Amino acid sequence: MQKDKFEFVVIGGGAVGCGVAYSLVRAGKPDVLLVERADDVGEVTTSQGAGLCGQMRNSVDRTKLAMHSAQTFRDLEADASVKPDWNEVGSIRIAFSDEAVDQFDELKSVADSCGLEGEMIDLREARKRWPPMQFDSVKAVLWCPTDGYMLPKSLVNAYRHECERMGAQFSMGTAVEEIVLKDGRISGVKTNRGEVTCRYVINAAGAHAYHIAKLAGLEFPIVPVRHEYFVTVPLEGLAPTLPCFRIPDMTLYGRVAEGGLLLGGWEPAALHADPRAYSMEEMAPAISPDWAVLDSFEKKMIHLFPESQKTEKSRVGKGWPTFTPDGQFIIGESSRVKGFVMAGGCNAHGISGSAGIGRLLVESLFDDAPSDYVKSLSPDRFTEASWDWAKASVQARRIYETYYGIECC
């Protein structure tokens, strides 16, 4: 660290932390230090992300948030010297049930109100967009041409490059040891590499966000939930220009990756880690591939893509994205500890929503009249109300298990 005084210290070098830093410098707040315990940005949960970015959501606020992130990735790809490897291949949502069809109609209605392009396409058009898939039993397909995917590691590298170009500093291999308070508000951070003073500490520590908050005397129900996907060896007919896909009835999503099929899904009986059971100095619990779960994804997918059956897997992605009991981000400054700002509980939107989360955080801090949506994300909703871990973990897992909003097989 070249200096010991900053306006902002961002804790966590994943997509959210880097996206927050980028949003701050873009808002004319370049006096930022980002600290990360790992040796580089994007080394932990972000490195395991699938990278899909879908913009269709069930509310106007969430849709506009996703649109902002997609536009940010598009701009970085066009203008930045370090690219996020943004691939605007579009996406298809595939419905097998009437319930999913109704959901697609609602998503399209919200998208229309936000000016997001999308349309229901017939099966002939769907086959043109994804020739290897078999759409015979499909009831509806929703197409969004401006969706896509990025490479998570490339995205955080792009954020970092732009931040440093505009004056922010990054300190890798830096572990936070203490949050320093003076007269009830943030005054600095002690790390293994020295102490810095600051006006704001922004907690973007992912699966360790619970521990960072505890250093400030706060507790939040930020629940790490296991998530997995696999990537097959290269398969004939899978071009990198094929759209991303989501299949709510099967709780599956995927895209082409490395010439093969990347396929992930949402488990009906989620597993979680209790952050109280491991310390800030430890890594979150190790995850071994759960082949029973991963094989269940494959068995569902063969109805649409028979070539995926018993195909050799080249790698498994796995990590601990964090979920909250109400399925909403925790963003903003605490009224209990002034200067302590949350950017956590991202509910599996950490990478794809990173730019939008940064935008919301900037609004929460510096807009004289933040929106009702931003105010609803305040950390005060947990510090000023009673809750218990047993119920919170069940509710957070439920958010994961019903991610697509449909009770699935």
Protein backbone atom coordinates (compact mmCIF):
# COMPACT_ATOMS: atom_id res chain seq x y z
CA MET A 1 0.00 0.00 0.00
CA GLN A 2 1.54 3.26 -1.13
CA LYS A 3 -0.46 5.50 1.23
CA ASP A 4 -2.35 5.03 4.47
CA LYS A 5 -5.43 7.23 4.07
CA PHE A 6 -8.40 6.68 1.74
CA GLU A 7 -12.02 7.70 1.53
CA PHE A 8 -13.12 4.12 0.77
CA VAL A 9 -11.69 0.73 1.64
CA VAL A 10 -13.39 -2.10 -0.24
CA ILE A 11 -12.89 -5.50 1.37
CA GLY A 12 -13.08 -8.32 -1.17
CA GLY A 13 -11.64 -8.66 -4.66
CA GLY A 14 -14.35 -10.72 -6.29
CA ALA A 15 -16.74 -9.45 -8.94
CA VAL A 16 -18.84 -7.51 -6.43
CA GLY A 17 -15.90 -5.76 -4.77
CA CYS A 18 -14.31 -4.91 -8.10
CA GLY A 19 -17.66 -3.81 -9.52
CA VAL A 20 -18.25 -1.55 -6.52
CA ALA A 21 -14.78 -0.02 -6.87
CA TYR A 22 -15.42 0.56 -10.58
CA SER A 23 -18.77 2.20 -9.87
CA LEU A 24 -17.19 4.50 -7.29
CA VAL A 25 -14.42 5.71 -9.59
CA ARG A 26 -16.91 6.17 -12.42
CA ALA A 27 -18.97 8.31 -10.04
CA GLY A 28 -15.99 10.58 -9.44
CA LYS A 29 -14.87 8.88 -6.21
CA PRO A 30 -11.40 7.53 -7.07
CA ASP A 31 -9.92 7.60 -3.55
CA VAL A 32 -10.45 3.85 -3.22
CA LEU A 33 -8.33 1.05 -1.82
CA LEU A 34 -9.48 -2.51 -2.52
CA VAL A 35 -7.94 -5.19 -0.30
CA GLU A 36 -8.03 -8.90 -1.05
CA ARG A 37 -6.54 -11.76 0.95
CA ALA A 38 -5.83 -13.89 -2.13
CA ASP A 39 -2.95 -13.21 -4.47
CA ASP A 40 -5.15 -11.83 -7.23
CA VAL A 41 -8.66 -10.57 -7.87
CA GLY A 42 -11.40 -13.08 -8.69
CA GLU A 43 -9.60 -16.05 -7.13
CA VAL A 44 -12.34 -17.49 -4.92
CA THR A 45 -16.10 -17.71 -5.64
CA THR A 46 -15.87 -15.50 -8.73
CA SER A 47 -13.38 -17.89 -10.34
CA GLN A 48 -16.04 -20.61 -10.20
CA GLY A 49 -18.82 -18.58 -11.82
CA ALA A 50 -20.51 -19.66 -15.04
CA GLY A 51 -20.64 -16.06 -16.29
CA LEU A 52 -24.19 -15.94 -17.69
CA CYS A 53 -25.90 -12.55 -17.72
CA GLY A 54 -29.67 -12.60 -18.17
CA GLN A 55 -31.67 -9.40 -18.01
CA MET A 56 -35.27 -10.58 -17.79
CA ARG A 57 -36.48 -10.37 -14.20
CA ASN A 58 -39.85 -10.36 -12.50
CA SER A 59 -39.64 -6.72 -11.42
CA VAL A 60 -38.82 -3.44 -13.12
CA ASP A 61 -36.09 -2.63 -10.57
CA ARG A 62 -34.28 -5.94 -11.02
CA THR A 63 -34.62 -5.80 -14.80
CA LYS A 64 -33.16 -2.30 -15.02
CA LEU A 65 -30.36 -3.38 -12.69
CA ALA A 66 -29.48 -6.29 -14.99
CA MET A 67 -29.70 -4.04 -18.04
CA HIS A 68 -27.20 -1.66 -16.46
CA SER A 69 -24.77 -4.52 -15.85
CA ALA A 70 -25.10 -5.80 -19.41
CA GLN A 71 -24.52 -2.30 -20.78
CA THR A 72 -21.43 -1.97 -18.59
CA PHE A 73 -20.02 -5.24 -19.94
CA ARG A 74 -20.82 -4.10 -23.47
CA ASP A 75 -19.05 -0.77 -22.92
CA LEU A 76 -16.00 -2.40 -21.36
CA GLU A 77 -15.73 -4.83 -24.25
CA ALA A 78 -15.91 -1.97 -26.74
CA ASP A 79 -13.73 0.62 -25.00
CA ALA A 80 -11.46 -0.86 -22.34
CA SER A 81 -7.96 -2.05 -23.16
CA VAL A 82 -8.50 -5.06 -20.87
CA LYS A 83 -11.65 -6.83 -22.04
CA PRO A 84 -14.24 -8.72 -19.95
CA ASP A 85 -14.66 -11.20 -22.83
CA TRP A 86 -18.32 -10.23 -23.14
CA ASN A 87 -20.14 -12.42 -25.67
CA GLU A 88 -23.55 -11.02 -26.60
CA VAL A 89 -24.95 -14.26 -27.99
CA GLY A 90 -28.49 -13.78 -26.67
CA SER A 91 -30.43 -16.27 -24.59
CA ILE A 92 -33.43 -18.54 -24.81
CA ARG A 93 -35.76 -19.58 -22.01
CA ILE A 94 -37.48 -22.89 -22.64
CA ALA A 95 -40.89 -23.81 -21.18
CA PHE A 96 -42.33 -27.30 -20.82
CA SER A 97 -45.26 -26.39 -18.56
CA ASP A 98 -48.16 -23.96 -18.67
CA GLU A 99 -46.83 -22.41 -15.47
CA ALA A 100 -43.52 -21.63 -17.17
CA VAL A 101 -45.36 -20.19 -20.18
CA ASP A 102 -47.29 -17.87 -17.87
CA GLN A 103 -44.03 -16.86 -16.19
CA PHE A 104 -42.49 -16.05 -19.59
CA ASP A 105 -45.47 -13.84 -20.43
CA GLU A 106 -44.92 -11.92 -17.20
CA LEU A 107 -41.20 -11.59 -17.84
CA LYS A 108 -41.83 -10.26 -21.32
CA SER A 109 -44.36 -7.76 -19.98
CA VAL A 110 -41.81 -6.41 -17.49
CA ALA A 111 -39.12 -6.35 -20.18
CA ASP A 112 -41.40 -4.40 -22.51
CA SER A 113 -42.02 -1.79 -19.82
CA CYS A 114 -38.25 -1.39 -19.37
CA GLY A 115 -37.45 -1.14 -23.06
CA LEU A 116 -35.64 -4.49 -23.04
CA GLU A 117 -35.95 -6.32 -26.33
CA GLY A 118 -37.46 -9.80 -26.11
CA GLU A 119 -39.96 -11.95 -27.93
CA MET A 120 -41.68 -15.31 -27.85
CA ILE A 121 -40.37 -17.27 -30.82
CA ASP A 122 -41.86 -20.35 -32.46
CA LEU A 123 -40.15 -23.73 -32.40
CA ARG A 124 -38.91 -23.37 -35.96
CA GLU A 125 -37.04 -20.21 -34.98
CA ALA A 126 -35.79 -21.87 -31.78
CA ARG A 127 -34.28 -24.72 -33.82
CA LYS A 128 -32.47 -22.19 -35.98
CA ARG A 129 -30.98 -20.55 -32.91
CA TRP A 130 -29.96 -23.82 -31.19
CA PRO A 131 -29.80 -26.52 -33.92
CA PRO A 132 -28.47 -29.34 -31.68
CA MET A 133 -31.49 -29.14 -29.34
CA GLN A 134 -34.69 -31.14 -29.75
CA PHE A 135 -37.67 -28.85 -29.17
CA ASP A 136 -40.50 -31.30 -30.00
CA SER A 137 -42.10 -31.29 -26.51
CA VAL A 138 -41.43 -27.62 -25.77
CA LYS A 139 -44.41 -25.31 -25.19
CA ALA A 140 -42.77 -21.90 -25.51
CA VAL A 141 -39.40 -20.22 -26.05
CA LEU A 142 -38.57 -16.68 -24.91
CA TRP A 143 -35.71 -14.98 -26.76
CA CYS A 144 -33.61 -12.04 -25.52
CA PRO A 145 -31.02 -10.93 -28.09
CA THR A 146 -28.93 -8.72 -25.77
CA ASP A 147 -28.22 -11.33 -23.09
CA GLY A 148 -24.89 -13.09 -23.10
CA TYR A 149 -21.99 -14.22 -20.99
CA MET A 150 -18.58 -13.01 -19.92
CA LEU A 151 -15.56 -14.77 -18.47
CA PRO A 152 -15.61 -13.93 -14.74
CA LYS A 153 -11.84 -13.71 -14.39
CA SER A 154 -11.64 -11.42 -17.42
CA LEU A 155 -14.38 -9.22 -15.97
CA VAL A 156 -12.60 -8.60 -12.67
CA ASN A 157 -9.35 -7.95 -14.54
CA ALA A 158 -11.15 -5.36 -16.68
CA TYR A 159 -12.67 -3.71 -13.60
CA ARG A 160 -9.28 -3.59 -11.90
CA HIS A 161 -7.49 -2.14 -14.91
CA GLU A 162 -10.05 0.62 -15.31
CA CYS A 163 -10.06 1.40 -11.59
CA GLU A 164 -6.29 1.68 -11.41
CA ARG A 165 -6.23 3.77 -14.57
CA MET A 166 -8.58 6.23 -12.85
CA GLY A 167 -6.62 6.36 -9.59
CA ALA A 168 -7.87 3.56 -7.32
CA GLN A 169 -5.40 1.22 -5.62
CA PHE A 170 -5.51 -2.55 -5.18
CA SER A 171 -3.63 -4.45 -2.47
CA MET A 172 -3.44 -8.22 -2.92
CA GLY A 173 -2.31 -10.68 -0.25
CA THR A 174 -3.85 -8.32 2.31
CA ALA A 175 -5.87 -9.83 5.14
CA VAL A 176 -8.18 -7.68 7.25
CA GLU A 177 -7.56 -8.15 10.97
CA GLU A 178 -9.59 -5.41 12.61
CA ILE A 179 -12.20 -2.75 11.81
CA VAL A 180 -11.25 0.42 13.69
CA LEU A 181 -14.08 2.51 15.15
CA LYS A 182 -13.98 5.95 16.69
CA ASP A 183 -17.00 7.50 18.39
CA GLY A 184 -19.24 4.81 16.90
CA ARG A 185 -18.21 5.22 13.27
CA ILE A 186 -15.61 3.77 10.93
CA SER A 187 -12.16 5.31 11.17
CA GLY A 188 -9.92 2.69 9.62
CA VAL A 189 -8.88 -0.89 8.92
CA LYS A 190 -5.98 -2.89 10.33
CA THR A 191 -4.49 -5.49 7.99
CA ASN A 192 -1.51 -7.82 7.97
CA ARG A 193 0.27 -5.15 5.94
CA GLY A 194 -0.46 -2.18 8.15
CA GLU A 195 -3.28 0.15 9.11
CA VAL A 196 -5.15 2.57 6.87
CA THR A 197 -7.61 5.26 7.87
CA CYS A 198 -10.79 5.73 5.85
CA ARG A 199 -14.26 7.22 5.94
CA TYR A 200 -16.08 4.18 4.56
CA VAL A 201 -15.48 0.43 4.73
CA ILE A 202 -17.38 -1.51 2.08
CA ASN A 203 -17.93 -5.16 2.93
CA ALA A 204 -17.86 -7.19 -0.30
CA ALA A 205 -16.23 -10.26 1.21
CA GLY A 206 -18.63 -12.90 -0.13
CA ALA A 207 -18.62 -16.04 2.00
CA HIS A 208 -16.63 -14.09 4.61
CA ALA A 209 -18.94 -11.05 4.64
CA TYR A 210 -20.45 -12.39 7.87
CA HIS A 211 -17.03 -12.28 9.57
CA ILE A 212 -16.16 -8.80 8.34
CA ALA A 213 -19.50 -7.51 9.66
CA LYS A 214 -18.83 -9.13 13.04
CA LEU A 215 -15.58 -7.12 13.27
CA ALA A 216 -17.79 -4.02 13.25
CA GLY A 217 -20.14 -5.49 15.84
CA LEU A 218 -22.88 -6.34 13.32
CA GLU A 219 -24.48 -9.64 12.35
CA PHE A 220 -26.24 -10.47 9.11
CA PRO A 221 -27.94 -13.67 7.84
CA ILE A 222 -25.59 -14.12 4.90
CA VAL A 223 -25.80 -17.83 4.09
CA PRO A 224 -23.30 -19.51 1.75
CA VAL A 225 -25.15 -22.11 -0.35
CA ARG A 226 -23.37 -24.72 -2.47
CA HIS A 227 -23.68 -24.42 -6.23
CA GLU A 228 -22.20 -26.63 -8.94
CA TYR A 229 -22.02 -27.03 -12.70
CA PHE A 230 -19.94 -29.09 -15.11
CA VAL A 231 -18.31 -28.55 -18.48
CA THR A 232 -18.08 -31.40 -20.97
CA VAL A 233 -15.26 -32.12 -23.37
CA PRO A 234 -15.73 -30.46 -26.78
CA LEU A 235 -18.80 -31.71 -28.67
CA GLU A 236 -19.55 -31.55 -32.37
CA GLY A 237 -22.00 -28.84 -33.34
CA LEU A 238 -21.46 -26.60 -30.31
CA ALA A 239 -20.39 -23.21 -31.62
CA PRO A 240 -19.45 -20.38 -29.22
CA THR A 241 -22.11 -18.20 -30.87
CA LEU A 242 -25.01 -20.38 -29.66
CA PRO A 243 -27.26 -18.57 -27.16
CA CYS A 244 -27.22 -19.17 -23.43
CA PHE A 245 -30.24 -21.13 -22.24
CA ARG A 246 -32.42 -21.46 -19.15
CA ILE A 247 -34.98 -24.20 -18.51
CA PRO A 248 -37.04 -23.29 -15.42
CA ASP A 249 -39.09 -26.51 -15.41
CA MET A 250 -35.86 -28.49 -15.09
CA THR A 251 -34.03 -25.90 -12.94
CA LEU A 252 -31.21 -25.93 -15.50
CA TYR A 253 -29.11 -23.33 -17.27
CA GLY A 254 -26.17 -23.52 -19.62
CA ARG A 255 -24.09 -22.27 -22.50
CA VAL A 256 -21.29 -23.38 -24.77
CA ALA A 257 -17.93 -23.27 -23.00
CA GLU A 258 -14.53 -24.39 -24.22
CA GLY A 259 -16.16 -26.19 -27.12
CA GLY A 260 -18.32 -28.27 -24.79
CA LEU A 261 -21.55 -27.88 -22.84
CA LEU A 262 -21.55 -25.95 -19.55
CA LEU A 263 -24.56 -27.21 -17.60
CA GLY A 264 -25.63 -26.15 -14.13
CA GLY A 265 -28.74 -26.32 -12.04
CA TRP A 266 -30.50 -25.45 -8.82
CA GLU A 267 -30.74 -28.32 -6.35
CA PRO A 268 -34.10 -29.16 -4.78
CA ALA A 269 -32.40 -29.82 -1.43
CA ALA A 270 -29.69 -27.21 -1.09
CA LEU A 271 -26.66 -27.56 1.15
CA HIS A 272 -25.33 -24.59 3.06
CA ALA A 273 -22.34 -23.63 5.14
CA ASP A 274 -22.75 -21.93 8.49
CA PRO A 275 -20.33 -18.98 8.57
CA ARG A 276 -20.26 -19.23 12.36
CA ALA A 277 -18.58 -22.63 11.98
CA TYR A 278 -15.44 -21.34 10.25
CA SER A 279 -13.29 -18.36 11.07
CA MET A 280 -12.29 -15.33 9.06
CA GLU A 281 -8.78 -16.77 8.81
CA GLU A 282 -10.04 -20.01 7.26
CA MET A 283 -11.33 -20.69 3.79
CA ALA A 284 -14.99 -21.65 3.43
CA PRO A 285 -15.41 -25.45 3.58
CA ALA A 286 -13.96 -27.37 0.66
CA ILE A 287 -16.44 -28.71 -1.89
CA SER A 288 -16.01 -32.08 -3.56
CA PRO A 289 -18.02 -32.65 -6.75
CA ASP A 290 -21.39 -34.17 -5.91
CA TRP A 291 -21.76 -36.53 -8.84
CA ALA A 292 -25.26 -37.60 -7.87
CA VAL A 293 -26.39 -33.98 -8.27
CA LEU A 294 -24.32 -33.33 -11.38
CA ASP A 295 -25.56 -36.54 -13.00
CA SER A 296 -29.13 -35.46 -12.28
CA PHE A 297 -28.52 -32.34 -14.37
CA GLU A 298 -27.31 -34.49 -17.24
CA LYS A 299 -30.29 -36.86 -17.02
CA LYS A 300 -32.71 -33.94 -17.31
CA MET A 301 -30.81 -32.38 -20.19
CA ILE A 302 -30.82 -35.44 -22.45
CA HIS A 303 -34.50 -34.75 -23.27
CA LEU A 304 -33.35 -31.62 -25.09
CA PHE A 305 -29.78 -32.52 -25.97
CA PRO A 306 -29.22 -36.31 -26.15
CA GLU A 307 -25.54 -35.86 -26.98
CA SER A 308 -24.93 -34.78 -23.38
CA GLN A 309 -25.62 -38.28 -22.08
CA LYS A 310 -22.59 -39.86 -20.41
CA THR A 311 -20.27 -37.36 -22.06
CA GLU A 312 -16.87 -37.00 -20.45
CA LYS A 313 -16.58 -33.98 -18.17
CA SER A 314 -13.53 -31.74 -18.49
CA ARG A 315 -14.09 -29.84 -15.25
CA VAL A 316 -16.54 -29.02 -12.45
CA GLY A 317 -17.26 -25.50 -11.20
CA LYS A 318 -18.29 -25.22 -7.57
CA GLY A 319 -18.51 -22.54 -4.93
CA TRP A 320 -20.42 -20.83 -2.13
CA PRO A 321 -22.54 -17.96 -3.45
CA THR A 322 -24.31 -16.22 -0.59
CA PHE A 323 -28.08 -15.99 -0.11
CA THR A 324 -30.32 -13.99 2.20
CA PRO A 325 -33.64 -15.01 3.79
CA ASP A 326 -35.66 -12.56 1.67
CA GLY A 327 -33.73 -13.10 -1.56
CA GLN A 328 -32.67 -9.44 -1.70
CA PHE A 329 -29.20 -7.90 -1.73
CA ILE A 330 -27.82 -6.24 1.40
CA ILE A 331 -26.60 -2.88 0.15
CA GLY A 332 -25.96 0.39 1.92
CA GLU A 333 -24.62 2.05 5.04
CA SER A 334 -25.50 0.79 8.49
CA SER A 335 -27.28 3.25 10.74
CA ARG A 336 -25.72 1.51 13.75
CA VAL A 337 -22.11 1.86 12.57
CA LYS A 338 -21.78 4.90 10.34
CA GLY A 339 -19.34 4.40 7.52
CA PHE A 340 -19.79 0.62 7.47
CA VAL A 341 -21.35 -0.25 4.12
CA MET A 342 -22.66 -3.62 2.96
CA ALA A 343 -22.40 -5.07 -0.54
CA GLY A 344 -23.31 -8.69 0.11
CA GLY A 345 -25.91 -11.41 0.00
CA CYS A 346 -25.95 -11.40 -3.78
CA ASN A 347 -28.20 -14.46 -4.26
CA ALA A 348 -26.18 -15.80 -7.23
CA HIS A 349 -26.16 -12.42 -9.01
CA GLY A 350 -22.71 -11.40 -7.83
CA ILE A 351 -20.93 -11.62 -11.18
CA SER A 352 -23.74 -10.81 -13.59
CA GLY A 353 -25.08 -8.09 -11.30
CA SER A 354 -21.76 -6.65 -10.18
CA ALA A 355 -22.01 -3.38 -12.10
CA GLY A 356 -25.64 -2.89 -11.07
CA ILE A 357 -24.84 -3.62 -7.42
CA GLY A 358 -22.11 -0.98 -7.58
CA ARG A 359 -24.56 1.49 -9.04
CA LEU A 360 -27.07 0.81 -6.24
CA LEU A 361 -24.38 1.27 -3.62
CA VAL A 362 -23.36 4.63 -5.05
CA GLU A 363 -27.00 5.70 -5.08
CA SER A 364 -27.48 4.58 -1.47
CA LEU A 365 -24.52 6.68 -0.30
CA PHE A 366 -24.71 9.82 -2.38
CA ASP A 367 -28.21 10.31 -3.78
CA ASP A 368 -30.23 12.79 -1.73
CA ALA A 369 -33.40 10.83 -2.50
CA PRO A 370 -32.54 7.16 -3.12
CA SER A 371 -35.28 5.05 -4.64
CA ASP A 372 -37.63 2.95 -2.54
CA TYR A 373 -35.92 -0.11 -4.04
CA VAL A 374 -32.49 1.00 -2.82
CA LYS A 375 -33.90 1.79 0.62
CA SER A 376 -35.45 -1.69 0.77
CA LEU A 377 -31.96 -3.24 0.48
CA SER A 378 -30.60 -1.48 3.59
CA PRO A 379 -28.67 -3.59 6.10
CA ASP A 380 -30.87 -2.03 8.79
CA ARG A 381 -33.65 -4.47 7.91
CA PHE A 382 -31.64 -7.14 9.74
CA THR A 383 -29.91 -5.15 12.49
CA GLU A 384 -33.12 -3.40 13.54
CA ALA A 385 -35.31 -6.52 13.55
CA SER A 386 -35.10 -9.87 15.28
CA TRP A 387 -34.22 -13.05 13.37
CA ASP A 388 -32.56 -16.36 14.15
CA TRP A 389 -30.07 -18.45 12.22
CA ALA A 390 -32.13 -21.63 12.04
CA LYS A 391 -35.01 -19.93 10.24
CA ALA A 392 -32.72 -17.67 8.21
CA SER A 393 -30.73 -20.57 6.79
CA VAL A 394 -33.90 -22.45 5.84
CA GLN A 395 -35.33 -19.38 4.13
CA ALA A 396 -32.04 -18.63 2.32
CA ARG A 397 -31.81 -22.20 1.04
CA ARG A 398 -35.40 -21.90 -0.12
CA ILE A 399 -34.47 -18.87 -2.23
CA TYR A 400 -31.82 -21.03 -3.90
CA GLU A 401 -34.11 -24.02 -4.35
CA THR A 402 -36.83 -21.94 -6.04
CA TYR A 403 -34.46 -19.71 -7.98
CA TYR A 404 -36.56 -19.84 -11.15
CA GLY A 405 -39.80 -19.27 -9.27
CA ILE A 406 -41.33 -22.59 -10.29
CA GLU A 407 -41.82 -25.67 -8.14
CA CYS A 408 -39.88 -28.14 -10.23
CA CYS A 409 -39.36 -31.87 -10.43
